[in-house]
Amino acid sequence: MNILLVEDEDIAAKKLTKTLAAVEPDATVVAVTTSVRETVAWLQAHQAAGQPDTPDLILMDIELSDGQSFRIFEQTGVKPPVIFTTSYDEYAIRAFKVNSVDYLLKPVQKDELRAALDKFGRQQGSRSEVSVNNLLDELRKQLAPKDYRKRFLVQYAAKLLSVDTHQIAYFFTDNRMNQIRTFDGRKMLVDYSMDELEQMLDPAQFFRVGRSFLVSATSVDQIQTYFGNRLALKLKPDSDKDVVVSREKLTSFKEWMGR
């Protein structure tokens, strides 16, 4: 079985090649392409029937050095079946589950790659162009930039005030009321639940810390160890309540703060 790898990270390509050799020794990686442009050119030159390096299957990363990989499908015909690899979590790629094209979440595990190859084997000859087009439509929707909330209209000192999200240090719950705390120390009621706010706000800017706090990255002044393998945050402006990162959110919080 000939396989084309479309992957722009050299380490990831080498690791995937090694994993592939372990689960499918008869597979041959005929080429590794690293960009939309390079992949389009390679496919146009190597998809003709009868060529010894014509791929039977493509393992394709979604995010490439010059754009998202669905642009490849827009620029040339892709005849072999495709298994996408991606760093996105399952919520961002749920569309794959209703299509015949599979996906693998990075880092690719042996058992998951084996299952995907088995699925490919079962579906040979049954893949339709319609299913791929449906997948690409869903993929475009999932990966399109989301229009996050940029400001809130709130009541403050007997008047309505428009507050830009970059002015907000954190959202918090006090006596079952959700409030905004701005960097200049003002507190204002906001007419949304914490769950609604979490969906409205850019996750690169705000992180949900427990049930009662949504904090801006720039509001985090100090991070201290806390009993129970947790972290305690000192915010600016200072909060009247303890702000604690749970064990369940510890890894994701560290990744968020390190971006």
Protein backbone atom coordinates (compact mmCIF):
# COMPACT_ATOMS: atom_id res chain seq x y z
CA MET A 1 0.00 0.00 0.00
CA ASN A 2 1.41 3.38 -1.06
CA ILE A 3 0.82 6.28 1.32
CA LEU A 4 1.40 10.01 0.86
CA LEU A 5 2.08 11.98 4.06
CA VAL A 6 1.05 15.64 4.06
CA GLU A 7 2.69 17.10 7.17
CA ASP A 8 4.64 20.34 7.65
CA GLU A 9 6.38 19.39 10.92
CA ASP A 10 9.47 17.25 10.36
CA ILE A 11 9.32 15.60 13.81
CA ALA A 12 5.63 14.75 13.40
CA ALA A 13 6.26 13.30 9.92
CA LYS A 14 9.08 11.10 11.18
CA LYS A 15 7.05 9.92 14.16
CA LEU A 16 4.03 9.13 11.99
CA THR A 17 6.23 7.23 9.52
CA LYS A 18 7.64 5.17 12.39
CA THR A 19 4.17 4.48 13.80
CA LEU A 20 2.93 3.51 10.35
CA ALA A 21 5.80 1.04 9.89
CA ALA A 22 4.92 -0.57 13.22
CA VAL A 23 1.23 -1.09 12.47
CA GLU A 24 1.40 -1.66 8.70
CA PRO A 25 4.83 -3.07 7.70
CA ASP A 26 3.76 -3.50 4.07
CA ALA A 27 2.93 0.19 3.69
CA THR A 28 5.32 2.43 1.75
CA VAL A 29 5.51 6.18 2.29
CA VAL A 30 6.02 7.36 -1.29
CA ALA A 31 6.49 11.03 -0.38
CA VAL A 32 6.14 13.64 2.35
CA THR A 33 4.78 17.03 1.28
CA THR A 34 4.76 20.01 3.63
CA SER A 35 2.45 22.64 2.13
CA VAL A 36 -0.70 23.16 0.09
CA ARG A 37 1.34 24.27 -2.91
CA GLU A 38 3.77 21.35 -2.78
CA THR A 39 0.96 18.82 -2.28
CA VAL A 40 -1.07 20.14 -5.21
CA ALA A 41 1.99 19.97 -7.48
CA TRP A 42 2.87 16.47 -6.30
CA LEU A 43 -0.66 15.13 -6.78
CA GLN A 44 -0.93 16.61 -10.25
CA ALA A 45 2.28 14.81 -11.20
CA HIS A 46 1.73 11.45 -9.49
CA GLN A 47 -1.96 10.52 -9.57
CA ALA A 48 -1.98 9.04 -13.06
CA ALA A 49 -2.97 5.39 -13.03
CA GLY A 50 -0.16 2.89 -13.36
CA GLN A 51 2.61 5.00 -11.85
CA PRO A 52 4.57 3.04 -9.24
CA ASP A 53 4.28 5.78 -6.60
CA THR A 54 0.57 6.56 -7.07
CA PRO A 55 -0.80 6.74 -3.50
CA ASP A 56 -3.55 4.41 -2.32
CA LEU A 57 -4.15 6.55 0.77
CA ILE A 58 -3.22 10.02 2.04
CA LEU A 59 -2.52 10.94 5.67
CA MET A 60 -3.06 14.69 5.69
CA ASP A 61 -2.54 17.29 8.42
CA ILE A 62 -5.23 19.99 8.51
CA GLU A 63 -2.98 22.96 9.26
CA LEU A 64 -0.06 23.33 6.82
CA SER A 65 2.65 25.95 6.48
CA ASP A 66 0.74 27.93 3.83
CA GLY A 67 -2.86 27.35 4.88
CA GLN A 68 -5.50 24.78 5.73
CA SER A 69 -5.37 21.56 3.75
CA PHE A 70 -8.89 21.74 2.31
CA ARG A 71 -7.41 24.26 -0.15
CA ILE A 72 -5.72 21.26 -1.79
CA PHE A 73 -9.13 19.90 -2.76
CA GLU A 74 -10.09 23.26 -4.25
CA GLN A 75 -7.02 23.36 -6.47
CA THR A 76 -6.77 19.78 -7.73
CA GLY A 77 -8.63 16.51 -7.78
CA VAL A 78 -7.73 14.22 -4.88
CA LYS A 79 -8.39 10.66 -5.95
CA PRO A 80 -7.14 8.56 -2.99
CA PRO A 81 -9.07 8.37 0.30
CA VAL A 82 -7.83 10.75 3.00
CA ILE A 83 -7.29 10.26 6.71
CA PHE A 84 -6.84 13.65 8.35
CA THR A 85 -4.48 14.22 11.25
CA THR A 86 -5.07 17.18 13.51
CA SER A 87 -4.21 18.83 16.81
CA TYR A 88 -7.79 20.03 17.24
CA ASP A 89 -9.85 18.43 19.96
CA GLU A 90 -12.96 16.34 19.29
CA TYR A 91 -15.32 19.29 19.61
CA ALA A 92 -13.65 21.05 16.70
CA ILE A 93 -13.68 17.98 14.45
CA ARG A 94 -16.96 16.25 15.31
CA ALA A 95 -17.99 16.59 11.66
CA PHE A 96 -15.58 13.79 10.76
CA LYS A 97 -17.68 11.26 12.65
CA VAL A 98 -20.53 11.48 10.17
CA ASN A 99 -18.39 11.11 7.05
CA SER A 100 -16.56 8.18 5.51
CA VAL A 101 -13.20 9.98 5.78
CA ASP A 102 -11.55 9.36 9.14
CA TYR A 103 -9.36 11.53 11.36
CA LEU A 104 -6.56 10.98 13.89
CA LEU A 105 -5.92 13.26 16.81
CA LYS A 106 -2.25 14.15 17.35
CA PRO A 107 -0.08 12.69 18.68
CA VAL A 108 -1.16 9.68 16.61
CA GLN A 109 -1.39 6.46 18.62
CA LYS A 110 -0.73 3.00 17.19
CA ASP A 111 -4.16 1.56 18.01
CA GLU A 112 -5.94 4.57 16.51
CA LEU A 113 -3.87 4.42 13.33
CA ARG A 114 -4.54 0.67 13.07
CA ALA A 115 -8.28 1.25 13.44
CA ALA A 116 -8.22 4.00 10.79
CA LEU A 117 -6.34 1.78 8.34
CA ASP A 118 -8.79 -1.04 8.97
CA LYS A 119 -11.65 1.38 8.25
CA PHE A 120 -9.92 2.40 5.05
CA GLY A 121 -9.65 -1.24 4.04
CA ARG A 122 -13.35 -1.85 4.66
CA GLN A 123 -14.39 1.22 2.71
CA GLN A 124 -12.22 0.82 -0.38
CA GLY A 125 -14.33 1.32 -3.43
CA SER A 126 -17.27 2.81 -1.50
CA ARG A 127 -15.95 6.33 -0.96
CA SER A 128 -17.93 8.96 -2.85
CA GLU A 129 -17.01 12.46 -3.91
CA VAL A 130 -20.16 13.72 -2.21
CA SER A 131 -18.99 12.54 1.22
CA VAL A 132 -15.66 14.35 0.80
CA ASN A 133 -17.42 17.54 -0.27
CA ASN A 134 -19.70 17.30 2.76
CA LEU A 135 -16.68 16.87 4.97
CA LEU A 136 -14.95 19.90 3.51
CA ASP A 137 -18.05 22.05 3.97
CA GLU A 138 -18.23 21.05 7.62
CA LEU A 139 -14.48 21.54 8.04
CA ARG A 140 -14.67 25.08 6.69
CA LYS A 141 -17.42 25.89 9.19
CA GLN A 142 -15.54 24.35 12.11
CA LEU A 143 -12.23 26.09 11.35
CA ALA A 144 -13.63 29.47 10.35
CA PRO A 145 -12.66 32.24 12.77
CA LYS A 146 -15.39 32.63 15.35
CA ASP A 147 -16.88 36.05 15.97
CA TYR A 148 -16.31 36.35 19.72
CA ARG A 149 -17.92 39.03 21.86
CA LYS A 150 -15.93 42.28 21.74
CA ARG A 151 -17.92 44.40 24.21
CA PHE A 152 -20.77 44.32 26.72
CA LEU A 153 -23.48 46.91 27.29
CA VAL A 154 -24.01 47.11 31.06
CA GLN A 155 -25.70 49.40 33.54
CA TYR A 156 -23.32 51.41 35.70
CA ALA A 157 -24.03 54.43 37.93
CA ALA A 158 -27.55 54.92 36.56
CA LYS A 159 -26.41 54.88 32.94
CA LEU A 160 -25.60 52.39 30.20
CA LEU A 161 -21.93 51.79 29.54
CA SER A 162 -20.20 49.90 26.71
CA VAL A 163 -17.27 47.90 28.11
CA ASP A 164 -14.66 46.48 25.74
CA THR A 165 -13.52 42.95 26.62
CA HIS A 166 -9.91 44.15 26.80
CA GLN A 167 -10.97 46.39 29.69
CA ILE A 168 -12.26 43.36 31.63
CA ALA A 169 -9.95 41.67 34.13
CA TYR A 170 -12.37 38.89 35.02
CA PHE A 171 -15.98 37.81 35.37
CA PHE A 172 -17.08 36.43 38.73
CA THR A 173 -20.15 35.22 40.60
CA ASP A 174 -21.14 36.80 43.90
CA ASN A 175 -24.43 36.04 45.69
CA ARG A 176 -25.64 34.25 42.55
CA MET A 177 -25.12 37.38 40.46
CA ASN A 178 -22.56 37.48 37.67
CA GLN A 179 -20.39 40.55 37.51
CA ILE A 180 -17.64 42.18 35.50
CA ARG A 181 -14.48 43.46 37.18
CA THR A 182 -12.56 45.91 35.04
CA PHE A 183 -8.85 46.61 35.28
CA ASP A 184 -9.61 50.01 36.81
CA GLY A 185 -11.50 48.30 39.65
CA ARG A 186 -15.13 48.88 38.67
CA LYS A 187 -17.76 46.18 39.25
CA MET A 188 -20.81 45.83 37.00
CA LEU A 189 -23.64 43.31 36.75
CA VAL A 190 -23.85 41.31 33.53
CA ASP A 191 -27.03 39.58 32.32
CA TYR A 192 -25.49 36.27 31.23
CA SER A 193 -24.71 32.99 32.96
CA MET A 194 -21.10 31.88 33.31
CA ASP A 195 -21.72 29.12 30.78
CA GLU A 196 -23.05 31.66 28.28
CA LEU A 197 -20.12 33.98 28.89
CA GLU A 198 -17.65 31.15 28.37
CA GLN A 199 -19.13 30.51 24.92
CA MET A 200 -19.16 34.22 24.00
CA LEU A 201 -15.56 35.01 24.95
CA ASP A 202 -12.37 34.34 23.02
CA PRO A 203 -10.70 31.34 24.73
CA ALA A 204 -7.30 32.82 23.90
CA GLN A 205 -8.19 35.79 26.11
CA PHE A 206 -10.33 34.27 28.90
CA PHE A 207 -10.14 31.02 30.87
CA ARG A 208 -12.88 29.48 33.02
CA VAL A 209 -11.43 28.89 36.50
CA GLY A 210 -13.94 26.79 38.42
CA ARG A 211 -17.62 27.66 38.49
CA SER A 212 -17.30 31.27 39.61
CA PHE A 213 -14.46 32.88 37.66
CA LEU A 214 -13.62 33.63 34.03
CA VAL A 215 -10.23 35.33 34.06
CA SER A 216 -8.30 37.32 31.50
CA ALA A 217 -4.71 36.21 30.95
CA THR A 218 -3.48 39.72 31.66
CA SER A 219 -5.29 39.78 35.02
CA VAL A 220 -3.20 36.91 36.40
CA ASP A 221 -0.60 38.55 38.62
CA GLN A 222 0.76 35.53 40.52
CA ILE A 223 0.37 31.75 40.32
CA GLN A 224 0.99 29.86 43.55
CA THR A 225 0.90 26.19 44.49
CA TYR A 226 -2.18 25.19 46.48
CA PHE A 227 -3.01 22.08 48.49
CA GLY A 228 -4.55 19.15 46.65
CA ASN A 229 -2.31 19.54 43.58
CA ARG A 230 -4.07 22.76 42.61
CA LEU A 231 -3.03 26.32 41.85
CA ALA A 232 -4.11 29.55 43.50
CA LEU A 233 -4.23 32.73 41.42
CA LYS A 234 -3.65 36.27 42.60
CA LEU A 235 -5.50 38.58 40.25
CA LYS A 236 -5.24 42.26 39.49
CA PRO A 237 -7.40 43.92 40.68
CA ASP A 238 -7.35 41.65 43.70
CA SER A 239 -10.36 39.39 44.26
CA ASP A 240 -12.24 39.12 47.56
CA LYS A 241 -12.56 35.37 46.98
CA ASP A 242 -10.03 32.59 46.50
CA VAL A 243 -9.38 31.86 42.83
CA VAL A 244 -8.29 28.24 42.54
CA VAL A 245 -7.49 26.15 39.47
CA SER A 246 -8.77 22.61 39.95
CA ARG A 247 -6.68 19.50 39.27
CA GLU A 248 -8.89 18.72 36.27
CA LYS A 249 -8.08 22.06 34.64
CA LEU A 250 -4.45 22.25 35.68
CA THR A 251 -2.92 21.07 32.40
CA SER A 252 -5.19 23.12 30.16
CA PHE A 253 -4.62 26.22 32.33
CA LYS A 254 -0.83 25.87 32.06
CA GLU A 255 -1.07 25.45 28.30
CA TRP A 256 -3.33 28.52 28.09
CA MET A 257 -0.98 30.70 30.15
CA GLY A 258 2.00 29.54 28.08
CA ARG A 259 0.59 30.51 24.70
